[in-house]
Amino acid sequence: MGGSTSSSSSSNQGKDDDLADLINRFINSLADYSDLLPFSVDRQKLRSYTTLAALAITLVLVWKILRSPPQEPQRRPRRRATPSSSGSTGRTSSSANPSTNICSSSDDSRAQDAINHFFQPVNLTLEQIVRHKLNEGRKVTCRLLGVILEETTPEELQDKVTVRSSVLEVLHEIAKFCDVYLMERILDDESGEKVLSALSDAGVFTSGGLMKEKVLFCSTENGRMSFVRQLEPDWHIDSNPEIVQQLARFIKYELHISPQRVERMATNVYSSTSLENFFGGLEQR
């Protein structure tokens, strides 16, 4: 009798552990999916708000699984036990326990399979991630220095121009459904020619949405801000925090590219260490 009670307690404990694991995985999955949204989500608040909902959903899911009757194993016809054979009675009684254990194991296995199937990772394509992050924006303006190019100052462009190869795939995905304008402040016309040549050699203009005519140059930062305000994009991407801050009240969304983590300037301003990290979903906003 004591062994039966211990076995039942162990089984209940195992189910409680599975339930706790299910709730935890559900909440973590919601937190991971929140990274795909174009707005910021506080993970701590998300866990608090979804705990009760996750518990309710989990209880319903597990209840439905466990209430469905398992298929009864095919039973062999029992031999008639003789009254005088007490040993035979003991063997018959002990043989009933494995059948119960098999049914319990089958229930646990089916519940675990359902849990694993429910939490299979969703593999989104880069195009789907870009669309989610841009929130269906259709026009994007983007600075070249520190975002598309390795160089970070106009003075460096007089010497050389290096296109960041890691950003090309994301840039082409954005150009598939957005009107993209690239812009930069330069010190002389030769720098502009070097920039166009480097972009062309890197294959930037092989995508139909990226054209040389949409690469704009100016001689001052105020001129670059004027470009952005005149184009009225849904998104502006920049590495200059002062420009980002000044444009925040005019542009719907902005992405600030900075090598270091920075505080959020406004509710419509996001930050990332690189363009590909933000749209690749590799880091938290």
Protein backbone atom coordinates (compact mmCIF):
# COMPACT_ATOMS: atom_id res chain seq x y z
CA MET A 1 0.00 0.00 0.00
CA GLY A 2 2.88 2.32 0.96
CA GLY A 3 4.63 1.57 -2.37
CA SER A 4 1.47 2.50 -4.32
CA THR A 5 1.20 5.83 -2.45
CA SER A 6 4.85 6.61 -3.14
CA SER A 7 4.47 5.79 -6.85
CA SER A 8 1.36 8.03 -7.11
CA SER A 9 3.16 10.90 -5.35
CA SER A 10 6.15 10.57 -7.69
CA SER A 11 3.86 10.56 -10.74
CA ASN A 12 2.04 13.72 -9.56
CA GLN A 13 5.35 15.45 -8.88
CA GLY A 14 6.50 14.61 -12.41
CA LYS A 15 3.33 16.10 -13.90
CA ASP A 16 3.76 19.25 -11.79
CA ASP A 17 7.30 19.61 -13.13
CA ASP A 18 6.05 19.19 -16.71
CA LEU A 19 3.38 21.84 -16.10
CA ALA A 20 5.92 24.29 -14.68
CA ASP A 21 8.25 23.60 -17.62
CA LEU A 22 5.39 24.14 -20.09
CA ILE A 23 4.46 27.51 -18.54
CA ASN A 24 8.08 28.67 -18.51
CA ARG A 25 8.65 27.68 -22.14
CA PHE A 26 5.41 29.39 -23.19
CA ILE A 27 6.42 32.68 -21.57
CA ASN A 28 9.95 32.51 -23.01
CA SER A 29 8.49 31.85 -26.48
CA LEU A 30 6.29 34.94 -26.20
CA ALA A 31 9.31 36.97 -25.13
CA ASP A 32 11.32 35.71 -28.14
CA TYR A 33 8.48 36.54 -30.54
CA SER A 34 8.30 40.05 -29.06
CA ASP A 35 11.75 40.71 -30.59
CA LEU A 36 10.09 40.60 -34.00
CA LEU A 37 7.74 43.46 -33.22
CA PRO A 38 8.52 47.03 -34.34
CA PHE A 39 7.92 48.37 -30.82
CA SER A 40 9.78 47.72 -27.57
CA VAL A 41 8.43 45.17 -25.07
CA ASP A 42 9.54 44.92 -21.43
CA ARG A 43 10.28 41.24 -20.79
CA GLN A 44 9.63 41.49 -17.03
CA LYS A 45 6.18 43.00 -17.60
CA LEU A 46 5.51 40.43 -20.31
CA ARG A 47 6.21 37.59 -17.89
CA SER A 48 3.89 39.12 -15.26
CA TYR A 49 1.04 39.74 -17.71
CA THR A 50 1.20 36.33 -19.38
CA THR A 51 1.69 34.04 -16.39
CA LEU A 52 -2.04 33.67 -15.65
CA ALA A 53 -2.92 33.34 -19.34
CA ALA A 54 -0.18 30.74 -19.84
CA LEU A 55 -1.37 28.77 -16.82
CA ALA A 56 -4.94 28.68 -18.11
CA ILE A 57 -3.91 27.66 -21.63
CA THR A 58 -1.57 25.00 -20.27
CA LEU A 59 -4.21 23.49 -17.99
CA VAL A 60 -6.69 23.24 -20.85
CA LEU A 61 -4.09 21.72 -23.21
CA VAL A 62 -2.87 19.11 -20.72
CA TRP A 63 -6.43 18.30 -19.58
CA LYS A 64 -7.55 17.62 -23.15
CA ILE A 65 -4.56 15.39 -23.76
CA LEU A 66 -4.89 13.38 -20.57
CA ARG A 67 -8.68 12.98 -20.69
CA SER A 68 -8.60 11.22 -24.06
CA PRO A 69 -8.70 7.49 -23.29
CA PRO A 70 -5.55 5.61 -24.26
CA GLN A 71 -5.87 2.60 -26.49
CA GLU A 72 -6.27 -0.48 -24.35
CA PRO A 73 -3.57 -3.04 -24.99
CA GLN A 74 -4.84 -6.34 -26.34
CA ARG A 75 -5.36 -8.64 -23.42
CA ARG A 76 -4.63 -12.30 -23.46
CA PRO A 77 -7.26 -14.59 -22.01
CA ARG A 78 -6.51 -15.31 -18.37
CA ARG A 79 -5.96 -18.79 -17.16
CA ARG A 80 -8.33 -19.96 -14.51
CA ALA A 81 -6.54 -19.78 -11.20
CA THR A 82 -6.92 -22.74 -8.90
CA PRO A 83 -8.09 -21.87 -5.37
CA SER A 84 -5.23 -23.82 -3.83
CA SER A 85 -2.52 -21.91 -5.69
CA SER A 86 -1.78 -18.80 -3.57
CA GLY A 87 1.47 -18.23 -5.48
CA SER A 88 -0.46 -18.02 -8.75
CA THR A 89 -2.72 -15.35 -7.24
CA GLY A 90 0.32 -13.32 -6.24
CA ARG A 91 1.72 -13.52 -9.77
CA THR A 92 -1.62 -12.45 -11.27
CA SER A 93 -1.83 -9.47 -8.94
CA SER A 94 1.71 -8.36 -9.70
CA SER A 95 1.17 -8.68 -13.45
CA ALA A 96 -1.62 -6.07 -13.30
CA ASN A 97 0.75 -3.34 -12.11
CA PRO A 98 2.91 -3.22 -15.31
CA SER A 99 -0.27 -2.63 -17.35
CA THR A 100 -1.10 0.41 -15.21
CA ASN A 101 2.46 1.68 -15.51
CA ILE A 102 2.37 1.27 -19.29
CA CYS A 103 -0.82 3.38 -19.53
CA SER A 104 0.64 6.08 -17.29
CA SER A 105 3.87 6.12 -19.30
CA SER A 106 1.87 6.36 -22.52
CA ASP A 107 -0.07 9.38 -21.19
CA ASP A 108 3.13 11.15 -20.12
CA SER A 109 4.75 10.44 -23.47
CA ARG A 110 1.79 11.78 -25.43
CA ALA A 111 1.66 14.93 -23.27
CA GLN A 112 5.40 15.55 -23.74
CA ASP A 113 5.11 15.02 -27.52
CA ALA A 114 2.28 17.58 -27.64
CA ILE A 115 4.35 20.06 -25.63
CA ASN A 116 7.38 19.63 -27.92
CA HIS A 117 5.21 20.03 -31.01
CA PHE A 118 3.56 23.19 -29.61
CA PHE A 119 6.92 24.82 -28.89
CA GLN A 120 8.71 23.99 -32.13
CA PRO A 121 10.85 27.01 -33.12
CA VAL A 122 9.45 29.23 -35.86
CA ASN A 123 12.10 29.88 -38.48
CA LEU A 124 11.29 33.21 -40.11
CA THR A 125 13.01 34.29 -43.29
CA LEU A 126 15.04 37.49 -43.37
CA GLU A 127 12.36 39.07 -45.55
CA GLN A 128 9.67 38.33 -42.94
CA ILE A 129 11.83 39.75 -40.14
CA VAL A 130 12.56 42.92 -42.11
CA ARG A 131 8.86 43.44 -42.82
CA HIS A 132 7.98 42.95 -39.15
CA LYS A 133 10.66 45.33 -37.91
CA LEU A 134 9.81 48.05 -40.44
CA ASN A 135 6.13 47.75 -39.58
CA GLU A 136 5.13 47.95 -43.25
CA GLY A 137 7.09 51.17 -43.80
CA ARG A 138 7.47 52.03 -47.49
CA LYS A 139 10.16 54.73 -47.55
CA VAL A 140 13.55 54.57 -45.83
CA THR A 141 16.38 57.11 -45.67
CA CYS A 142 19.77 55.93 -44.48
CA ARG A 143 23.12 57.52 -43.74
CA LEU A 144 26.20 55.91 -45.29
CA LEU A 145 28.97 56.61 -42.74
CA GLY A 146 28.99 54.12 -39.87
CA VAL A 147 26.00 52.23 -41.28
CA ILE A 148 26.70 51.10 -44.85
CA LEU A 149 30.36 52.10 -44.90
CA GLU A 150 33.20 51.15 -42.57
CA GLU A 151 34.37 54.77 -42.48
CA THR A 152 32.83 57.09 -39.87
CA THR A 153 33.95 60.60 -40.94
CA PRO A 154 33.87 62.59 -44.22
CA GLU A 155 37.66 63.04 -43.96
CA GLU A 156 38.15 59.27 -44.28
CA LEU A 157 36.18 59.24 -47.53
CA GLN A 158 38.87 61.38 -49.16
CA ASP A 159 41.32 58.53 -48.67
CA LYS A 160 39.25 55.35 -49.18
CA VAL A 161 35.70 53.98 -49.16
CA THR A 162 34.89 50.52 -47.79
CA VAL A 163 31.41 48.98 -48.02
CA ARG A 164 30.47 46.68 -45.14
CA SER A 165 29.74 43.34 -46.81
CA SER A 166 27.67 42.09 -43.85
CA VAL A 167 25.02 44.76 -44.44
CA LEU A 168 24.35 44.06 -48.12
CA GLU A 169 21.83 41.24 -47.68
CA VAL A 170 19.69 43.26 -45.28
CA LEU A 171 19.94 46.36 -47.47
CA HIS A 172 18.72 44.42 -50.52
CA GLU A 173 15.80 42.96 -48.52
CA ILE A 174 14.75 46.44 -47.43
CA ALA A 175 14.96 47.66 -51.03
CA LYS A 176 12.62 44.88 -52.22
CA PHE A 177 9.57 46.64 -50.79
CA CYS A 178 10.84 50.07 -49.69
CA ASP A 179 11.89 53.21 -51.52
CA VAL A 180 15.46 53.58 -50.21
CA TYR A 181 17.53 56.77 -50.24
CA LEU A 182 21.19 56.76 -49.17
CA MET A 183 22.80 60.04 -48.15
CA GLU A 184 26.02 61.50 -46.78
CA ARG A 185 27.94 64.68 -46.11
CA ILE A 186 31.14 64.92 -48.17
CA LEU A 187 34.00 67.44 -48.37
CA ASP A 188 34.52 67.35 -52.15
CA ASP A 189 33.13 65.88 -55.37
CA GLU A 190 35.90 63.30 -55.57
CA SER A 191 34.68 61.74 -52.34
CA GLY A 192 31.20 61.39 -53.81
CA GLU A 193 32.60 59.67 -56.90
CA LYS A 194 34.58 57.26 -54.71
CA VAL A 195 31.46 56.42 -52.71
CA LEU A 196 29.38 55.68 -55.83
CA SER A 197 32.19 53.58 -57.29
CA ALA A 198 32.58 51.55 -54.07
CA LEU A 199 28.82 50.97 -53.80
CA SER A 200 28.68 49.84 -57.41
CA ASP A 201 31.65 47.48 -57.03
CA ALA A 202 30.07 45.94 -53.93
CA GLY A 203 26.88 45.12 -55.87
CA VAL A 204 24.62 47.58 -54.05
CA PHE A 205 22.90 48.66 -57.27
CA THR A 206 22.18 45.14 -58.50
CA SER A 207 18.87 45.30 -56.62
CA GLY A 208 16.09 47.07 -58.51
CA GLY A 209 15.20 49.28 -55.53
CA LEU A 210 18.70 50.73 -55.08
CA MET A 211 19.77 53.26 -57.68
CA LYS A 212 22.64 55.73 -58.05
CA GLU A 213 20.11 58.51 -58.50
CA LYS A 214 18.92 57.89 -54.94
CA VAL A 215 22.36 58.41 -53.38
CA LEU A 216 22.36 62.02 -52.17
CA PHE A 217 25.35 64.16 -51.12
CA CYS A 218 25.55 67.44 -49.26
CA SER A 219 28.21 69.61 -47.61
CA THR A 220 26.63 70.09 -44.15
CA GLU A 221 24.72 68.08 -41.56
CA ASN A 222 21.87 70.57 -41.81
CA GLY A 223 21.68 69.76 -45.50
CA ARG A 224 21.36 66.06 -44.67
CA MET A 225 18.56 66.80 -42.20
CA SER A 226 16.80 68.83 -44.90
CA PHE A 227 16.99 65.84 -47.27
CA VAL A 228 15.31 63.63 -44.67
CA ARG A 229 12.54 66.09 -43.83
CA GLN A 230 11.78 66.74 -47.51
CA LEU A 231 11.60 63.02 -48.33
CA GLU A 232 9.33 62.33 -45.29
CA PRO A 233 10.37 58.69 -44.80
CA ASP A 234 8.67 56.15 -42.56
CA TRP A 235 12.12 55.23 -41.21
CA HIS A 236 15.40 57.11 -40.97
CA ILE A 237 18.63 55.28 -40.09
CA ASP A 238 21.55 57.30 -38.75
CA SER A 239 24.73 57.05 -36.67
CA ASN A 240 24.78 60.67 -35.49
CA PRO A 241 22.89 60.96 -32.15
CA GLU A 242 22.33 64.71 -32.55
CA ILE A 243 20.67 64.23 -35.95
CA VAL A 244 18.56 61.38 -34.60
CA GLN A 245 17.38 63.48 -31.67
CA GLN A 246 16.51 66.51 -33.80
CA LEU A 247 14.58 64.44 -36.34
CA ALA A 248 12.67 62.38 -33.75
CA ARG A 249 9.68 64.75 -33.71
CA PHE A 250 9.37 64.78 -37.51
CA ILE A 251 9.97 61.14 -38.51
CA LYS A 252 7.66 58.25 -37.65
CA TYR A 253 10.47 55.80 -36.73
CA GLU A 254 14.23 56.12 -36.40
CA LEU A 255 17.05 53.63 -35.94
CA HIS A 256 20.18 54.88 -34.21
CA ILE A 257 23.29 52.85 -35.07
CA SER A 258 25.91 53.01 -32.32
CA PRO A 259 28.80 50.65 -31.40
CA GLN A 260 27.87 51.06 -27.73
CA ARG A 261 24.54 50.57 -26.02
CA VAL A 262 22.76 53.90 -25.65
CA GLU A 263 19.68 55.06 -23.79
CA ARG A 264 16.50 55.39 -25.79
CA MET A 265 15.99 58.99 -26.89
CA ALA A 266 12.27 58.77 -27.64
CA THR A 267 9.51 56.21 -27.98
CA ASN A 268 9.89 56.19 -31.78
CA VAL A 269 13.69 55.82 -31.73
CA TYR A 270 15.32 52.38 -31.64
CA SER A 271 18.99 51.54 -31.34
CA SER A 272 21.32 48.76 -32.45
CA THR A 273 25.03 48.14 -32.85
CA SER A 274 24.56 47.58 -36.59
CA LEU A 275 21.91 47.54 -39.28
CA GLU A 276 22.21 43.79 -39.84
CA ASN A 277 21.87 43.03 -36.12
CA PHE A 278 18.65 45.02 -35.81
CA PHE A 279 16.99 43.47 -38.84
CA GLY A 280 18.54 40.07 -38.28
CA GLY A 281 16.91 39.83 -34.86
CA LEU A 282 20.27 39.06 -33.22
CA GLU A 283 19.92 41.44 -30.32
CA GLN A 284 17.37 43.05 -28.08
CA ARG A 285 16.24 46.55 -28.98
